[in-house]
Amino acid sequence: MNVNVSPEVERQLVSLAAEEGKDAADLAGSLLEEKMRESGLLSDFKGTDVEDPEALASAVAAITNRTPKEIEAARARLFAQSRPPRPLPEGKPLPDVICGQWPGDETDEEVFEAIRKLS
């Protein structure tokens, strides 16, 4: 893969890589990967290759072993990307607003049964 950057960015990258004793292309890749992880565009999970039989266990371990700071950062990213909540219509409780509003042709009972099975 080739990535185009301005001559100034390239000079700074080459200089920074030399200071750190790294190859400029490797440093650029590391910086790009770090930025993608910070912005939520790249998963932090290790071993998620389709052929990896331990992929699920690795993903579960990555999620369950997060620090409180990592959990808070993930929540902040989620809330930053979420739409603000809509207020309930006046005089309507939440069940009246959501029940019977499924995207397909499922009944409330079918949805509740599916949720029960997943719980």
C-alpha atoms as a PDB file:
ATOM      1  CA  MET A   1       0.000   0.000   0.000  1.00  0.00           C
ATOM      2  CA  ASN A   2       1.216   3.484  -0.789  1.00  0.00           C
ATOM      3  CA  VAL A   3       0.094   6.482   1.226  1.00  0.00           C
ATOM      4  CA  ASN A   4       0.600  10.013  -0.045  1.00  0.00           C
ATOM      5  CA  VAL A   5       1.619  12.727   2.403  1.00  0.00           C
ATOM      6  CA  SER A   6       2.829  16.267   1.919  1.00  0.00           C
ATOM      7  CA  PRO A   7       6.588  16.812   1.607  1.00  0.00           C
ATOM      8  CA  GLU A   8       6.580  18.557   5.003  1.00  0.00           C
ATOM      9  CA  VAL A   9       4.878  15.595   6.718  1.00  0.00           C
ATOM     10  CA  GLU A  10       7.317  13.223   5.028  1.00  0.00           C
ATOM     11  CA  ARG A  11      10.315  15.260   6.257  1.00  0.00           C
ATOM     12  CA  GLN A  12       8.970  15.315   9.802  1.00  0.00           C
ATOM     13  CA  LEU A  13       8.178  11.613   9.693  1.00  0.00           C
ATOM     14  CA  VAL A  14      11.662  10.718   8.433  1.00  0.00           C
ATOM     15  CA  SER A  15      13.197  12.914  11.137  1.00  0.00           C
ATOM     16  CA  LEU A  16      11.055  11.410  13.910  1.00  0.00           C
ATOM     17  CA  ALA A  17      11.774   7.874  12.686  1.00  0.00           C
ATOM     18  CA  ALA A  18      15.525   8.587  12.701  1.00  0.00           C
ATOM     19  CA  GLU A  19      15.305   9.899  16.269  1.00  0.00           C
ATOM     20  CA  GLU A  20      13.526   6.714  17.341  1.00  0.00           C
ATOM     21  CA  GLY A  21      15.775   4.436  15.281  1.00  0.00           C
ATOM     22  CA  LYS A  22      12.863   3.177  13.210  1.00  0.00           C
ATOM     23  CA  ASP A  23      12.038   2.894   9.537  1.00  0.00           C
ATOM     24  CA  ALA A  24       9.837   5.819   8.425  1.00  0.00           C
ATOM     25  CA  ALA A  25       7.312   3.532   6.708  1.00  0.00           C
ATOM     26  CA  ASP A  26       7.015   1.335   9.811  1.00  0.00           C
ATOM     27  CA  LEU A  27       6.567   4.384  12.036  1.00  0.00           C
ATOM     28  CA  ALA A  28       3.916   5.810   9.680  1.00  0.00           C
ATOM     29  CA  GLY A  29       2.039   2.503   9.772  1.00  0.00           C
ATOM     30  CA  SER A  30       2.193   2.400  13.572  1.00  0.00           C
ATOM     31  CA  LEU A  31       0.933   5.970  13.864  1.00  0.00           C
ATOM     32  CA  LEU A  32      -1.913   5.301  11.433  1.00  0.00           C
ATOM     33  CA  GLU A  33      -2.926   2.123  13.261  1.00  0.00           C
ATOM     34  CA  GLU A  34      -2.832   3.936  16.615  1.00  0.00           C
ATOM     35  CA  LYS A  35      -5.029   6.747  15.294  1.00  0.00           C
ATOM     36  CA  MET A  36      -7.510   4.253  13.809  1.00  0.00           C
ATOM     37  CA  ARG A  37      -7.736   2.415  17.147  1.00  0.00           C
ATOM     38  CA  GLU A  38      -8.274   5.704  19.034  1.00  0.00           C
ATOM     39  CA  SER A  39     -11.075   6.707  16.694  1.00  0.00           C
ATOM     40  CA  GLY A  40     -12.777   3.301  16.951  1.00  0.00           C
ATOM     41  CA  LEU A  41     -12.168   2.405  13.307  1.00  0.00           C
ATOM     42  CA  LEU A  42      -9.959  -0.550  14.197  1.00  0.00           C
ATOM     43  CA  SER A  43     -10.660  -3.257  16.743  1.00  0.00           C
ATOM     44  CA  ASP A  44      -8.336  -3.763  19.701  1.00  0.00           C
ATOM     45  CA  PHE A  45      -8.972  -7.497  19.592  1.00  0.00           C
ATOM     46  CA  LYS A  46      -6.040  -9.766  18.908  1.00  0.00           C
ATOM     47  CA  GLY A  47      -6.412 -13.045  17.030  1.00  0.00           C
ATOM     48  CA  THR A  48      -9.680 -12.281  15.270  1.00  0.00           C
ATOM     49  CA  ASP A  49      -8.626 -14.095  12.096  1.00  0.00           C
ATOM     50  CA  VAL A  50     -11.537 -16.135  10.721  1.00  0.00           C
ATOM     51  CA  GLU A  51      -9.350 -19.246  10.781  1.00  0.00           C
ATOM     52  CA  ASP A  52      -8.339 -18.706  14.421  1.00  0.00           C
ATOM     53  CA  PRO A  53     -10.285 -21.136  16.627  1.00  0.00           C
ATOM     54  CA  GLU A  54      -9.463 -18.977  19.664  1.00  0.00           C
ATOM     55  CA  ALA A  55     -10.826 -15.754  18.121  1.00  0.00           C
ATOM     56  CA  LEU A  56     -13.972 -15.659  20.257  1.00  0.00           C
ATOM     57  CA  ALA A  57     -12.097 -16.458  23.473  1.00  0.00           C
ATOM     58  CA  SER A  58      -9.529 -13.753  22.628  1.00  0.00           C
ATOM     59  CA  ALA A  59     -12.264 -11.198  21.959  1.00  0.00           C
ATOM     60  CA  VAL A  60     -14.091 -12.044  25.189  1.00  0.00           C
ATOM     61  CA  ALA A  61     -10.828 -11.828  27.160  1.00  0.00           C
ATOM     62  CA  ALA A  62     -10.032  -8.462  25.583  1.00  0.00           C
ATOM     63  CA  ILE A  63     -13.436  -7.088  26.600  1.00  0.00           C
ATOM     64  CA  THR A  64     -13.597  -8.564  30.098  1.00  0.00           C
ATOM     65  CA  ASN A  65     -10.032  -7.599  31.016  1.00  0.00           C
ATOM     66  CA  ARG A  66     -10.345  -3.893  30.216  1.00  0.00           C
ATOM     67  CA  THR A  67      -9.362  -1.360  32.832  1.00  0.00           C
ATOM     68  CA  PRO A  68     -11.936   1.122  34.136  1.00  0.00           C
ATOM     69  CA  LYS A  69     -10.142   3.814  32.110  1.00  0.00           C
ATOM     70  CA  GLU A  70     -10.462   1.736  28.901  1.00  0.00           C
ATOM     71  CA  ILE A  71     -14.148   1.087  29.593  1.00  0.00           C
ATOM     72  CA  GLU A  72     -14.790   4.791  30.155  1.00  0.00           C
ATOM     73  CA  ALA A  73     -12.944   5.664  26.911  1.00  0.00           C
ATOM     74  CA  ALA A  74     -15.059   3.132  24.988  1.00  0.00           C
ATOM     75  CA  ARG A  75     -18.239   4.591  26.480  1.00  0.00           C
ATOM     76  CA  ALA A  76     -17.127   8.114  25.578  1.00  0.00           C
ATOM     77  CA  ARG A  77     -16.506   7.026  21.955  1.00  0.00           C
ATOM     78  CA  LEU A  78     -19.922   5.366  21.835  1.00  0.00           C
ATOM     79  CA  PHE A  79     -21.755   8.387  23.222  1.00  0.00           C
ATOM     80  CA  ALA A  80     -19.853  10.730  20.893  1.00  0.00           C
ATOM     81  CA  GLN A  81     -21.053   8.683  17.901  1.00  0.00           C
ATOM     82  CA  SER A  82     -24.633   8.235  19.131  1.00  0.00           C
ATOM     83  CA  ARG A  83     -27.574  10.427  18.274  1.00  0.00           C
ATOM     84  CA  PRO A  84     -29.065  12.343  21.187  1.00  0.00           C
ATOM     85  CA  PRO A  85     -32.108  10.637  22.721  1.00  0.00           C
ATOM     86  CA  ARG A  86     -35.530  11.703  21.526  1.00  0.00           C
ATOM     87  CA  PRO A  87     -38.013  12.784  24.168  1.00  0.00           C
ATOM     88  CA  LEU A  88     -41.081  10.627  24.735  1.00  0.00           C
ATOM     89  CA  PRO A  89     -44.278  11.992  23.229  1.00  0.00           C
ATOM     90  CA  GLU A  90     -46.260  13.784  25.888  1.00  0.00           C
ATOM     91  CA  GLY A  91     -48.590  11.484  27.809  1.00  0.00           C
ATOM     92  CA  LYS A  92     -47.078   8.226  26.438  1.00  0.00           C
ATOM     93  CA  PRO A  93     -45.061   5.791  28.568  1.00  0.00           C
ATOM     94  CA  LEU A  94     -42.044   4.047  27.035  1.00  0.00           C
ATOM     95  CA  PRO A  95     -43.788   0.674  26.436  1.00  0.00           C
ATOM     96  CA  ASP A  96     -46.472   2.391  24.362  1.00  0.00           C
ATOM     97  CA  VAL A  97     -43.783   3.985  22.201  1.00  0.00           C
ATOM     98  CA  ILE A  98     -41.628   0.908  21.537  1.00  0.00           C
ATOM     99  CA  CYS A  99     -43.979  -2.071  21.636  1.00  0.00           C
ATOM    100  CA  GLY A 100     -45.218  -3.085  18.215  1.00  0.00           C
ATOM    101  CA  GLN A 101     -42.552  -0.957  16.494  1.00  0.00           C
ATOM    102  CA  TRP A 102     -40.140  -3.679  15.305  1.00  0.00           C
ATOM    103  CA  PRO A 103     -38.491  -3.222  11.885  1.00  0.00           C
ATOM    104  CA  GLY A 104     -39.766  -6.539  10.510  1.00  0.00           C
ATOM    105  CA  ASP A 105     -43.085  -8.320  10.817  1.00  0.00           C
ATOM    106  CA  GLU A 106     -42.318  -9.875  14.221  1.00  0.00           C
ATOM    107  CA  THR A 107     -44.887  -9.656  16.951  1.00  0.00           C
ATOM    108  CA  ASP A 108     -44.027  -8.336  20.397  1.00  0.00           C
ATOM    109  CA  GLU A 109     -44.293 -11.878  21.722  1.00  0.00           C
ATOM    110  CA  GLU A 110     -41.763 -13.179  19.168  1.00  0.00           C
ATOM    111  CA  VAL A 111     -39.317 -10.408  20.026  1.00  0.00           C
ATOM    112  CA  PHE A 112     -39.735 -10.963  23.772  1.00  0.00           C
ATOM    113  CA  GLU A 113     -39.192 -14.714  23.295  1.00  0.00           C
ATOM    114  CA  ALA A 114     -36.005 -14.089  21.310  1.00  0.00           C
ATOM    115  CA  ILE A 115     -34.751 -11.745  24.053  1.00  0.00           C
ATOM    116  CA  ARG A 116     -35.617 -14.337  26.707  1.00  0.00           C
ATOM    117  CA  LYS A 117     -33.597 -16.989  24.837  1.00  0.00           C
ATOM    118  CA  LEU A 118     -30.620 -14.642  24.568  1.00  0.00           C
ATOM    119  CA  SER A 119     -30.699 -13.719  28.265  1.00  0.00           C
END
